[in-house]
Amino acid sequence: MAINEAIEMQASVYVYDLNNTAREFGFKSDEGWELNVATQDEKVLLEKRYHPTITAKVLPETLSEMFGLVKDKLIQVKSEIRNNLQTGGTNNTELQYLIAFNPKRPRH
């Protein structure tokens, strides 16, 4: 399997998980996922702050492509989504997670 095909498959599985989790947690029509790239520390902070979160560990060199694929697939299914692909100021090799959370659902 080529690397692009593997990334495409991983993105499809990730979007499938996002949609299932949104249904499972009863997301309303005005609720959606915020998609971020994160370091290990940022991932832990987001997981402590929000529930549910969906995380995928991705090779740093393919993270940008994975982010774009997931974003495109979510738009295709008409999901509400805000996207933050902010890599400035962070060593790109430290960015290794794609994490989605709903900002309207803080962990209590």
PDB file of N, CA and C in Angstrom:
ATOM      1  N   MET A   1       0.856  -1.181   0.000  1.00  0.00           N
ATOM      2  CA  MET A   1       0.000   0.000   0.000  1.00  0.00           C
ATOM      3  C   MET A   1       0.897   1.238   0.000  1.00  0.00           C
ATOM      4  N   ALA A   2       0.634   2.157  -0.887  1.00  0.00           N
ATOM      5  CA  ALA A   2       1.408   3.389  -0.967  1.00  0.00           C
ATOM      6  C   ALA A   2       1.115   4.270   0.248  1.00  0.00           C
ATOM      7  N   ILE A   3       2.054   5.153   0.551  1.00  0.00           N
ATOM      8  CA  ILE A   3       1.884   6.027   1.713  1.00  0.00           C
ATOM      9  C   ILE A   3       0.626   6.868   1.579  1.00  0.00           C
ATOM     10  N   ASN A   4       0.360   7.409   0.386  1.00  0.00           N
ATOM     11  CA  ASN A   4      -0.843   8.226   0.189  1.00  0.00           C
ATOM     12  C   ASN A   4      -2.111   7.427   0.435  1.00  0.00           C
ATOM     13  N   GLU A   5      -2.116   6.167  -0.002  1.00  0.00           N
ATOM     14  CA  GLU A   5      -3.286   5.314   0.233  1.00  0.00           C
ATOM     15  C   GLU A   5      -3.461   5.037   1.714  1.00  0.00           C
ATOM     16  N   ALA A   6      -2.357   4.842   2.419  1.00  0.00           N
ATOM     17  CA  ALA A   6      -2.415   4.596   3.857  1.00  0.00           C
ATOM     18  C   ALA A   6      -2.962   5.816   4.597  1.00  0.00           C
ATOM     19  N   ILE A   7      -2.527   7.000   4.194  1.00  0.00           N
ATOM     20  CA  ILE A   7      -3.012   8.232   4.821  1.00  0.00           C
ATOM     21  C   ILE A   7      -4.497   8.417   4.521  1.00  0.00           C
ATOM     22  N   GLU A   8      -4.882   8.148   3.279  1.00  0.00           N
ATOM     23  CA  GLU A   8      -6.290   8.240   2.878  1.00  0.00           C
ATOM     24  C   GLU A   8      -7.149   7.295   3.719  1.00  0.00           C
ATOM     25  N   MET A   9      -6.669   6.070   3.920  1.00  0.00           N
ATOM     26  CA  MET A   9      -7.406   5.093   4.721  1.00  0.00           C
ATOM     27  C   MET A   9      -7.492   5.549   6.177  1.00  0.00           C
ATOM     28  N   GLN A  10      -6.382   6.029   6.730  1.00  0.00           N
ATOM     29  CA  GLN A  10      -6.375   6.498   8.116  1.00  0.00           C
ATOM     30  C   GLN A  10      -7.328   7.678   8.289  1.00  0.00           C
ATOM     31  N   ALA A  11      -7.365   8.586   7.311  1.00  0.00           N
ATOM     32  CA  ALA A  11      -8.274   9.732   7.371  1.00  0.00           C
ATOM     33  C   ALA A  11      -9.731   9.268   7.324  1.00  0.00           C
ATOM     34  N   SER A  12     -10.030   8.289   6.480  1.00  0.00           N
ATOM     35  CA  SER A  12     -11.401   7.771   6.374  1.00  0.00           C
ATOM     36  C   SER A  12     -11.851   7.127   7.682  1.00  0.00           C
ATOM     37  N   VAL A  13     -10.968   6.350   8.297  1.00  0.00           N
ATOM     38  CA  VAL A  13     -11.296   5.702   9.573  1.00  0.00           C
ATOM     39  C   VAL A  13     -11.495   6.761  10.657  1.00  0.00           C
ATOM     40  N   TYR A  14     -10.664   7.782  10.663  1.00  0.00           N
ATOM     41  CA  TYR A  14     -10.762   8.845  11.652  1.00  0.00           C
ATOM     42  C   TYR A  14     -12.103   9.581  11.530  1.00  0.00           C
ATOM     43  N   VAL A  15     -12.491   9.919  10.302  1.00  0.00           N
ATOM     44  CA  VAL A  15     -13.772  10.605  10.081  1.00  0.00           C
ATOM     45  C   VAL A  15     -14.933   9.700  10.483  1.00  0.00           C
ATOM     46  N   TYR A  16     -14.838   8.410  10.189  1.00  0.00           N
ATOM     47  CA  TYR A  16     -15.860   7.447  10.605  1.00  0.00           C
ATOM     48  C   TYR A  16     -15.998   7.463  12.131  1.00  0.00           C
ATOM     49  N   ASP A  17     -14.862   7.462  12.840  1.00  0.00           N
ATOM     50  CA  ASP A  17     -14.885   7.523  14.302  1.00  0.00           C
ATOM     51  C   ASP A  17     -15.507   8.822  14.803  1.00  0.00           C
ATOM     52  N   LEU A  18     -15.182   9.932  14.152  1.00  0.00           N
ATOM     53  CA  LEU A  18     -15.769  11.224  14.540  1.00  0.00           C
ATOM     54  C   LEU A  18     -17.287  11.208  14.395  1.00  0.00           C
ATOM     55  N   ASN A  19     -17.761  10.704  13.276  1.00  0.00           N
ATOM     56  CA  ASN A  19     -19.204  10.670  13.046  1.00  0.00           C
ATOM     57  C   ASN A  19     -19.912   9.747  14.032  1.00  0.00           C
ATOM     58  N   ASN A  20     -19.331   8.578  14.300  1.00  0.00           N
ATOM     59  CA  ASN A  20     -19.926   7.657  15.270  1.00  0.00           C
ATOM     60  C   ASN A  20     -19.962   8.259  16.668  1.00  0.00           C
ATOM     61  N   THR A  21     -18.883   8.902  17.066  1.00  0.00           N
ATOM     62  CA  THR A  21     -18.822   9.513  18.394  1.00  0.00           C
ATOM     63  C   THR A  21     -19.820  10.651  18.508  1.00  0.00           C
ATOM     64  N   ALA A  22     -19.960  11.460  17.469  1.00  0.00           N
ATOM     65  CA  ALA A  22     -20.933  12.553  17.488  1.00  0.00           C
ATOM     66  C   ALA A  22     -22.347  12.000  17.672  1.00  0.00           C
ATOM     67  N   ARG A  23     -22.663  10.908  16.986  1.00  0.00           N
ATOM     68  CA  ARG A  23     -23.985  10.280  17.153  1.00  0.00           C
ATOM     69  C   ARG A  23     -24.145   9.700  18.556  1.00  0.00           C
ATOM     70  N   GLU A  24     -23.111   9.020  19.012  1.00  0.00           N
ATOM     71  CA  GLU A  24     -23.150   8.385  20.333  1.00  0.00           C
ATOM     72  C   GLU A  24     -23.368   9.407  21.452  1.00  0.00           C
ATOM     73  N   PHE A  25     -22.757  10.583  21.331  1.00  0.00           N
ATOM     74  CA  PHE A  25     -22.872  11.606  22.354  1.00  0.00           C
ATOM     75  C   PHE A  25     -23.993  12.609  22.064  1.00  0.00           C
ATOM     76  N   GLY A  26     -24.779  12.355  21.042  1.00  0.00           N
ATOM     77  CA  GLY A  26     -25.949  13.177  20.753  1.00  0.00           C
ATOM     78  C   GLY A  26     -25.633  14.619  20.401  1.00  0.00           C
ATOM     79  N   PHE A  27     -24.622  14.824  19.571  1.00  0.00           N
ATOM     80  CA  PHE A  27     -24.305  16.185  19.147  1.00  0.00           C
ATOM     81  C   PHE A  27     -25.535  16.795  18.476  1.00  0.00           C
ATOM     82  N   LYS A  28     -25.811  18.042  18.823  1.00  0.00           N
ATOM     83  CA  LYS A  28     -26.906  18.770  18.190  1.00  0.00           C
ATOM     84  C   LYS A  28     -26.433  19.322  16.842  1.00  0.00           C
ATOM     85  N   SER A  29     -27.365  19.827  16.054  1.00  0.00           N
ATOM     86  CA  SER A  29     -27.008  20.309  14.713  1.00  0.00           C
ATOM     87  C   SER A  29     -26.016  21.470  14.751  1.00  0.00           C
ATOM     88  N   ASP A  30     -25.999  22.232  15.842  1.00  0.00           N
ATOM     89  CA  ASP A  30     -25.063  23.360  15.922  1.00  0.00           C
ATOM     90  C   ASP A  30     -23.744  22.980  16.595  1.00  0.00           C
ATOM     91  N   GLU A  31     -23.561  21.691  16.890  1.00  0.00           N
ATOM     92  CA  GLU A  31     -22.326  21.233  17.503  1.00  0.00           C
ATOM     93  C   GLU A  31     -21.484  20.496  16.461  1.00  0.00           C
ATOM     94  N   GLY A  32     -20.203  20.626  16.601  1.00  0.00           N
ATOM     95  CA  GLY A  32     -19.306  19.929  15.696  1.00  0.00           C
ATOM     96  C   GLY A  32     -17.948  19.777  16.325  1.00  0.00           C
ATOM     97  N   TRP A  33     -17.012  19.360  15.531  1.00  0.00           N
ATOM     98  CA  TRP A  33     -15.660  19.099  15.997  1.00  0.00           C
ATOM     99  C   TRP A  33     -14.747  20.262  15.679  1.00  0.00           C
ATOM    100  N   GLU A  34     -13.845  20.565  16.596  1.00  0.00           N
ATOM    101  CA  GLU A  34     -12.720  21.445  16.297  1.00  0.00           C
ATOM    102  C   GLU A  34     -11.528  20.537  16.092  1.00  0.00           C
ATOM    103  N   LEU A  35     -10.853  20.711  14.996  1.00  0.00           N
ATOM    104  CA  LEU A  35      -9.755  19.837  14.606  1.00  0.00           C
ATOM    105  C   LEU A  35      -8.434  20.574  14.803  1.00  0.00           C
ATOM    106  N   ASN A  36      -7.511  19.947  15.526  1.00  0.00           N
ATOM    107  CA  ASN A  36      -6.215  20.561  15.817  1.00  0.00           C
ATOM    108  C   ASN A  36      -5.091  19.571  15.604  1.00  0.00           C
ATOM    109  N   VAL A  37      -3.909  20.101  15.333  1.00  0.00           N
ATOM    110  CA  VAL A  37      -2.699  19.296  15.404  1.00  0.00           C
ATOM    111  C   VAL A  37      -2.061  19.648  16.740  1.00  0.00           C
ATOM    112  N   ALA A  38      -1.404  18.670  17.361  1.00  0.00           N
ATOM    113  CA  ALA A  38      -0.922  18.900  18.718  1.00  0.00           C
ATOM    114  C   ALA A  38       0.334  18.102  19.023  1.00  0.00           C
ATOM    115  N   THR A  39       1.071  18.602  19.988  1.00  0.00           N
ATOM    116  CA  THR A  39       2.184  17.861  20.559  1.00  0.00           C
ATOM    117  C   THR A  39       1.612  16.926  21.627  1.00  0.00           C
ATOM    118  N   GLN A  40       2.448  16.093  22.191  1.00  0.00           N
ATOM    119  CA  GLN A  40       2.014  15.196  23.267  1.00  0.00           C
ATOM    120  C   GLN A  40       1.414  15.989  24.426  1.00  0.00           C
ATOM    121  N   ASP A  41       2.073  17.065  24.843  1.00  0.00           N
ATOM    122  CA  ASP A  41       1.591  17.864  25.970  1.00  0.00           C
ATOM    123  C   ASP A  41       0.261  18.546  25.653  1.00  0.00           C
ATOM    124  N   GLU A  42       0.134  19.098  24.446  1.00  0.00           N
ATOM    125  CA  GLU A  42      -1.119  19.750  24.048  1.00  0.00           C
ATOM    126  C   GLU A  42      -2.260  18.736  23.997  1.00  0.00           C
ATOM    127  N   LYS A  43      -1.976  17.540  23.518  1.00  0.00           N
ATOM    128  CA  LYS A  43      -2.974  16.472  23.453  1.00  0.00           C
ATOM    129  C   LYS A  43      -3.504  16.155  24.842  1.00  0.00           C
ATOM    130  N   VAL A  44      -2.596  16.004  25.795  1.00  0.00           N
ATOM    131  CA  VAL A  44      -2.993  15.687  27.171  1.00  0.00           C
ATOM    132  C   VAL A  44      -3.867  16.803  27.740  1.00  0.00           C
ATOM    133  N   LEU A  45      -3.488  18.050  27.514  1.00  0.00           N
ATOM    134  CA  LEU A  45      -4.286  19.175  28.014  1.00  0.00           C
ATOM    135  C   LEU A  45      -5.690  19.186  27.415  1.00  0.00           C
ATOM    136  N   LEU A  46      -5.792  18.958  26.109  1.00  0.00           N
ATOM    137  CA  LEU A  46      -7.111  18.948  25.468  1.00  0.00           C
ATOM    138  C   LEU A  46      -7.968  17.790  25.973  1.00  0.00           C
ATOM    139  N   GLU A  47      -7.342  16.631  26.185  1.00  0.00           N
ATOM    140  CA  GLU A  47      -8.086  15.478  26.691  1.00  0.00           C
ATOM    141  C   GLU A  47      -8.577  15.707  28.116  1.00  0.00           C
ATOM    142  N   LYS A  48      -7.833  16.473  28.904  1.00  0.00           N
ATOM    143  CA  LYS A  48      -8.268  16.798  30.266  1.00  0.00           C
ATOM    144  C   LYS A  48      -9.374  17.842  30.263  1.00  0.00           C
ATOM    145  N   ARG A  49      -9.382  18.701  29.240  1.00  0.00           N
ATOM    146  CA  ARG A  49     -10.317  19.820  29.193  1.00  0.00           C
ATOM    147  C   ARG A  49     -11.651  19.460  28.539  1.00  0.00           C
ATOM    148  N   TYR A  50     -11.657  18.560  27.559  1.00  0.00           N
ATOM    149  CA  TYR A  50     -12.870  18.270  26.786  1.00  0.00           C
ATOM    150  C   TYR A  50     -13.170  16.778  26.752  1.00  0.00           C
ATOM    151  N   HIS A  51     -14.450  16.481  26.626  1.00  0.00           N
ATOM    152  CA  HIS A  51     -14.887  15.090  26.462  1.00  0.00           C
ATOM    153  C   HIS A  51     -16.127  15.078  25.584  1.00  0.00           C
ATOM    154  N   PRO A  52     -16.162  14.323  24.537  1.00  0.00           N
ATOM    155  CA  PRO A  52     -15.166  13.373  24.064  1.00  0.00           C
ATOM    156  C   PRO A  52     -14.075  14.047  23.232  1.00  0.00           C
ATOM    157  N   THR A  53     -12.960  13.369  23.126  1.00  0.00           N
ATOM    158  CA  THR A  53     -11.911  13.755  22.182  1.00  0.00           C
ATOM    159  C   THR A  53     -11.574  12.519  21.353  1.00  0.00           C
ATOM    160  N   ILE A  54     -11.203  12.741  20.117  1.00  0.00           N
ATOM    161  CA  ILE A  54     -10.785  11.658  19.228  1.00  0.00           C
ATOM    162  C   ILE A  54      -9.371  12.014  18.761  1.00  0.00           C
ATOM    163  N   THR A  55      -8.428  11.123  19.025  1.00  0.00           N
ATOM    164  CA  THR A  55      -7.026  11.390  18.727  1.00  0.00           C
ATOM    165  C   THR A  55      -6.464  10.340  17.781  1.00  0.00           C
ATOM    166  N   ALA A  56      -5.651  10.799  16.854  1.00  0.00           N
ATOM    167  CA  ALA A  56      -4.913   9.894  15.979  1.00  0.00           C
ATOM    168  C   ALA A  56      -3.453  10.302  16.016  1.00  0.00           C
ATOM    169  N   LYS A  57      -2.573   9.331  16.224  1.00  0.00           N
ATOM    170  CA  LYS A  57      -1.142   9.606  16.161  1.00  0.00           C
ATOM    171  C   LYS A  57      -0.715   9.472  14.706  1.00  0.00           C
ATOM    172  N   VAL A  58      -0.038  10.506  14.221  1.00  0.00           N
ATOM    173  CA  VAL A  58       0.320  10.580  12.805  1.00  0.00           C
ATOM    174  C   VAL A  58       1.798  10.941  12.699  1.00  0.00           C
ATOM    175  N   LEU A  59       2.463  10.387  11.714  1.00  0.00           N
ATOM    176  CA  LEU A  59       3.854  10.757  11.478  1.00  0.00           C
ATOM    177  C   LEU A  59       3.939  12.253  11.183  1.00  0.00           C
ATOM    178  N   PRO A  60       4.878  12.959  11.796  1.00  0.00           N
ATOM    179  CA  PRO A  60       4.963  14.407  11.592  1.00  0.00           C
ATOM    180  C   PRO A  60       5.022  14.816  10.122  1.00  0.00           C
ATOM    181  N   GLU A  61       5.697  14.017   9.287  1.00  0.00           N
ATOM    182  CA  GLU A  61       5.828  14.391   7.873  1.00  0.00           C
ATOM    183  C   GLU A  61       4.532  14.209   7.086  1.00  0.00           C
ATOM    184  N   THR A  62       3.553  13.501   7.631  1.00  0.00           N
ATOM    185  CA  THR A  62       2.277  13.314   6.930  1.00  0.00           C
ATOM    186  C   THR A  62       1.112  14.001   7.637  1.00  0.00           C
ATOM    187  N   LEU A  63       1.390  14.696   8.746  1.00  0.00           N
ATOM    188  CA  LEU A  63       0.331  15.302   9.544  1.00  0.00           C
ATOM    189  C   LEU A  63      -0.461  16.351   8.769  1.00  0.00           C
ATOM    190  N   SER A  64       0.223  17.190   8.026  1.00  0.00           N
ATOM    191  CA  SER A  64      -0.460  18.232   7.261  1.00  0.00           C
ATOM    192  C   SER A  64      -1.401  17.622   6.220  1.00  0.00           C
ATOM    193  N   GLU A  65      -0.938  16.594   5.531  1.00  0.00           N
ATOM    194  CA  GLU A  65      -1.779  15.922   4.535  1.00  0.00           C
ATOM    195  C   GLU A  65      -2.987  15.253   5.197  1.00  0.00           C
ATOM    196  N   MET A  66      -2.758  14.595   6.314  1.00  0.00           N
ATOM    197  CA  MET A  66      -3.849  13.941   7.049  1.00  0.00           C
ATOM    198  C   MET A  66      -4.879  14.968   7.498  1.00  0.00           C
ATOM    199  N   PHE A  67      -4.400  16.093   8.024  1.00  0.00           N
ATOM    200  CA  PHE A  67      -5.285  17.174   8.456  1.00  0.00           C
ATOM    201  C   PHE A  67      -6.177  17.633   7.304  1.00  0.00           C
ATOM    202  N   GLY A  68      -5.568  17.865   6.137  1.00  0.00           N
ATOM    203  CA  GLY A  68      -6.324  18.314   4.966  1.00  0.00           C
ATOM    204  C   GLY A  68      -7.359  17.291   4.518  1.00  0.00           C
ATOM    205  N   LEU A  69      -6.992  16.021   4.513  1.00  0.00           N
ATOM    206  CA  LEU A  69      -7.926  14.965   4.106  1.00  0.00           C
ATOM    207  C   LEU A  69      -9.115  14.873   5.061  1.00  0.00           C
ATOM    208  N   VAL A  70      -8.832  14.914   6.351  1.00  0.00           N
ATOM    209  CA  VAL A  70      -9.913  14.830   7.341  1.00  0.00           C
ATOM    210  C   VAL A  70     -10.829  16.036   7.200  1.00  0.00           C
ATOM    211  N   LYS A  71     -10.251  17.211   7.078  1.00  0.00           N
ATOM    212  CA  LYS A  71     -11.046  18.429   6.919  1.00  0.00           C
ATOM    213  C   LYS A  71     -11.950  18.322   5.692  1.00  0.00           C
ATOM    214  N   ASP A  72     -11.383  17.882   4.568  1.00  0.00           N
ATOM    215  CA  ASP A  72     -12.174  17.743   3.338  1.00  0.00           C
ATOM    216  C   ASP A  72     -13.289  16.718   3.503  1.00  0.00           C
ATOM    217  N   LYS A  73     -13.017  15.593   4.136  1.00  0.00           N
ATOM    218  CA  LYS A  73     -14.023  14.558   4.326  1.00  0.00           C
ATOM    219  C   LYS A  73     -15.129  15.038   5.255  1.00  0.00           C
ATOM    220  N   LEU A  74     -14.778  15.793   6.287  1.00  0.00           N
ATOM    221  CA  LEU A  74     -15.798  16.310   7.188  1.00  0.00           C
ATOM    222  C   LEU A  74     -16.690  17.325   6.491  1.00  0.00           C
ATOM    223  N   ILE A  75     -16.098  18.137   5.647  1.00  0.00           N
ATOM    224  CA  ILE A  75     -16.902  19.102   4.895  1.00  0.00           C
ATOM    225  C   ILE A  75     -17.847  18.364   3.948  1.00  0.00           C
ATOM    226  N   GLN A  76     -17.370  17.278   3.346  1.00  0.00           N
ATOM    227  CA  GLN A  76     -18.208  16.498   2.435  1.00  0.00           C
ATOM    228  C   GLN A  76     -19.440  15.936   3.150  1.00  0.00           C
ATOM    229  N   VAL A  77     -19.315  15.599   4.424  1.00  0.00           N
ATOM    230  CA  VAL A  77     -20.463  15.072   5.150  1.00  0.00           C
ATOM    231  C   VAL A  77     -21.211  16.188   5.867  1.00  0.00           C
ATOM    232  N   LYS A  78     -20.906  17.435   5.499  1.00  0.00           N
ATOM    233  CA  LYS A  78     -21.588  18.617   5.990  1.00  0.00           C
ATOM    234  C   LYS A  78     -21.530  18.730   7.512  1.00  0.00           C
ATOM    235  N   SER A  79     -20.392  18.395   8.054  1.00  0.00           N
ATOM    236  CA  SER A  79     -20.191  18.516   9.494  1.00  0.00           C
ATOM    237  C   SER A  79     -19.791  19.950   9.827  1.00  0.00           C
ATOM    238  N   GLU A  80     -20.228  20.399  10.977  1.00  0.00           N
ATOM    239  CA  GLU A  80     -19.769  21.703  11.456  1.00  0.00           C
ATOM    240  C   GLU A  80     -18.361  21.495  11.999  1.00  0.00           C
ATOM    241  N   ILE A  81     -17.424  22.304  11.531  1.00  0.00           N
ATOM    242  CA  ILE A  81     -16.049  22.105  11.996  1.00  0.00           C
ATOM    243  C   ILE A  81     -15.278  23.410  11.933  1.00  0.00           C
ATOM    244  N   ARG A  82     -14.487  23.629  12.949  1.00  0.00           N
ATOM    245  CA  ARG A  82     -13.524  24.724  12.935  1.00  0.00           C
ATOM    246  C   ARG A  82     -12.159  24.070  12.917  1.00  0.00           C
ATOM    247  N   ASN A  83     -11.276  24.609  12.115  1.00  0.00           N
ATOM    248  CA  ASN A  83      -9.976  23.955  11.922  1.00  0.00           C
ATOM    249  C   ASN A  83      -8.840  24.861  12.339  1.00  0.00           C
ATOM    250  N   ASN A  84      -7.934  24.312  13.093  1.00  0.00           N
ATOM    251  CA  ASN A  84      -6.745  25.048  13.492  1.00  0.00           C
ATOM    252  C   ASN A  84      -5.513  24.248  13.123  1.00  0.00           C
ATOM    253  N   LEU A  85      -4.910  24.624  12.017  1.00  0.00           N
ATOM    254  CA  LEU A  85      -3.636  24.012  11.638  1.00  0.00           C
ATOM    255  C   LEU A  85      -2.584  25.082  11.864  1.00  0.00           C
ATOM    256  N   GLN A  86      -2.148  25.191  13.105  1.00  0.00           N
ATOM    257  CA  GLN A  86      -1.188  26.213  13.473  1.00  0.00           C
ATOM    258  C   GLN A  86       0.108  25.520  13.835  1.00  0.00           C
ATOM    259  N   THR A  87       1.101  25.696  12.993  1.00  0.00           N
ATOM    260  CA  THR A  87       2.376  25.029  13.248  1.00  0.00           C
ATOM    261  C   THR A  87       3.477  26.026  13.567  1.00  0.00           C
ATOM    262  N   GLY A  88       3.180  27.315  13.514  1.00  0.00           N
ATOM    263  CA  GLY A  88       4.199  28.323  13.782  1.00  0.00           C
ATOM    264  C   GLY A  88       4.679  28.267  15.224  1.00  0.00           C
ATOM    265  N   GLY A  89       5.986  28.370  15.405  1.00  0.00           N
ATOM    266  CA  GLY A  89       6.535  28.409  16.744  1.00  0.00           C
ATOM    267  C   GLY A  89       6.737  27.035  17.373  1.00  0.00           C
ATOM    268  N   THR A  90       6.275  25.998  16.748  1.00  0.00           N
ATOM    269  CA  THR A  90       6.441  24.653  17.292  1.00  0.00           C
ATOM    270  C   THR A  90       7.303  23.848  16.344  1.00  0.00           C
ATOM    271  N   ASN A  91       8.204  23.088  16.902  1.00  0.00           N
ATOM    272  CA  ASN A  91       9.025  22.194  16.095  1.00  0.00           C
ATOM    273  C   ASN A  91       8.094  21.167  15.446  1.00  0.00           C
ATOM    274  N   ASN A  92       8.074  21.120  14.128  1.00  0.00           N
ATOM    275  CA  ASN A  92       7.138  20.234  13.418  1.00  0.00           C
ATOM    276  C   ASN A  92       7.304  18.765  13.778  1.00  0.00           C
ATOM    277  N   THR A  93       8.485  18.360  14.222  1.00  0.00           N
ATOM    278  CA  THR A  93       8.642  16.958  14.609  1.00  0.00           C
ATOM    279  C   THR A  93       7.933  16.657  15.924  1.00  0.00           C
ATOM    280  N   GLU A  94       7.604  17.687  16.700  1.00  0.00           N
ATOM    281  CA  GLU A  94       6.861  17.494  17.944  1.00  0.00           C
ATOM    282  C   GLU A  94       5.369  17.355  17.683  1.00  0.00           C
ATOM    283  N   LEU A  95       4.890  17.895  16.568  1.00  0.00           N
ATOM    284  CA  LEU A  95       3.479  17.776  16.222  1.00  0.00           C
ATOM    285  C   LEU A  95       3.253  16.378  15.659  1.00  0.00           C
ATOM    286  N   GLN A  96       2.547  15.557  16.412  1.00  0.00           N
ATOM    287  CA  GLN A  96       2.358  14.187  15.968  1.00  0.00           C
ATOM    288  C   GLN A  96       0.953  13.661  16.209  1.00  0.00           C
ATOM    289  N   TYR A  97       0.045  14.533  16.656  1.00  0.00           N
ATOM    290  CA  TYR A  97      -1.316  14.100  16.918  1.00  0.00           C
ATOM    291  C   TYR A  97      -2.320  14.974  16.184  1.00  0.00           C
ATOM    292  N   LEU A  98      -3.341  14.332  15.686  1.00  0.00           N
ATOM    293  CA  LEU A  98      -4.509  15.013  15.163  1.00  0.00           C
ATOM    294  C   LEU A  98      -5.582  14.764  16.210  1.00  0.00           C
ATOM    295  N   ILE A  99      -6.134  15.828  16.769  1.00  0.00           N
ATOM    296  CA  ILE A  99      -7.105  15.664  17.841  1.00  0.00           C
ATOM    297  C   ILE A  99      -8.341  16.504  17.549  1.00  0.00           C
ATOM    298  N   ALA A 100      -9.482  15.891  17.733  1.00  0.00           N
ATOM    299  CA  ALA A 100     -10.754  16.581  17.536  1.00  0.00           C
ATOM    300  C   ALA A 100     -11.488  16.617  18.866  1.00  0.00           C
ATOM    301  N   PHE A 101     -12.102  17.761  19.134  1.00  0.00           N
ATOM    302  CA  PHE A 101     -12.903  17.923  20.344  1.00  0.00           C
ATOM    303  C   PHE A 101     -14.036  18.872  20.053  1.00  0.00           C
ATOM    304  N   ASN A 102     -15.026  18.866  20.927  1.00  0.00           N
ATOM    305  CA  ASN A 102     -16.150  19.780  20.793  1.00  0.00           C
ATOM    306  C   ASN A 102     -15.982  20.864  21.864  1.00  0.00           C
ATOM    307  N   PRO A 103     -15.738  22.118  21.459  1.00  0.00           N
ATOM    308  CA  PRO A 103     -15.505  23.175  22.446  1.00  0.00           C
ATOM    309  C   PRO A 103     -16.725  23.457  23.321  1.00  0.00           C
ATOM    310  N   LYS A 104     -17.887  22.976  22.926  1.00  0.00           N
ATOM    311  CA  LYS A 104     -19.104  23.163  23.736  1.00  0.00           C
ATOM    312  C   LYS A 104     -19.277  22.055  24.771  1.00  0.00           C
ATOM    313  N   ARG A 105     -18.336  21.133  24.839  1.00  0.00           N
ATOM    314  CA  ARG A 105     -18.447  20.012  25.767  1.00  0.00           C
ATOM    315  C   ARG A 105     -17.208  19.880  26.659  1.00  0.00           C
ATOM    316  N   PRO A 106     -17.085  20.810  27.623  1.00  0.00           N
ATOM    317  CA  PRO A 106     -15.951  20.688  28.545  1.00  0.00           C
ATOM    318  C   PRO A 106     -16.128  19.503  29.480  1.00  0.00           C
ATOM    319  N   ARG A 107     -15.030  18.971  29.930  1.00  0.00           N
ATOM    320  CA  ARG A 107     -15.052  17.866  30.895  1.00  0.00           C
ATOM    321  C   ARG A 107     -15.381  18.463  32.256  1.00  0.00           C
ATOM    322  N   HIS A 108     -16.260  17.829  32.985  1.00  0.00           N
ATOM    323  CA  HIS A 108     -16.664  18.352  34.311  1.00  0.00           C
ATOM    324  C   HIS A 108     -15.909  17.694  35.414  1.00  0.00           C
TER     325      HIS A 108
END
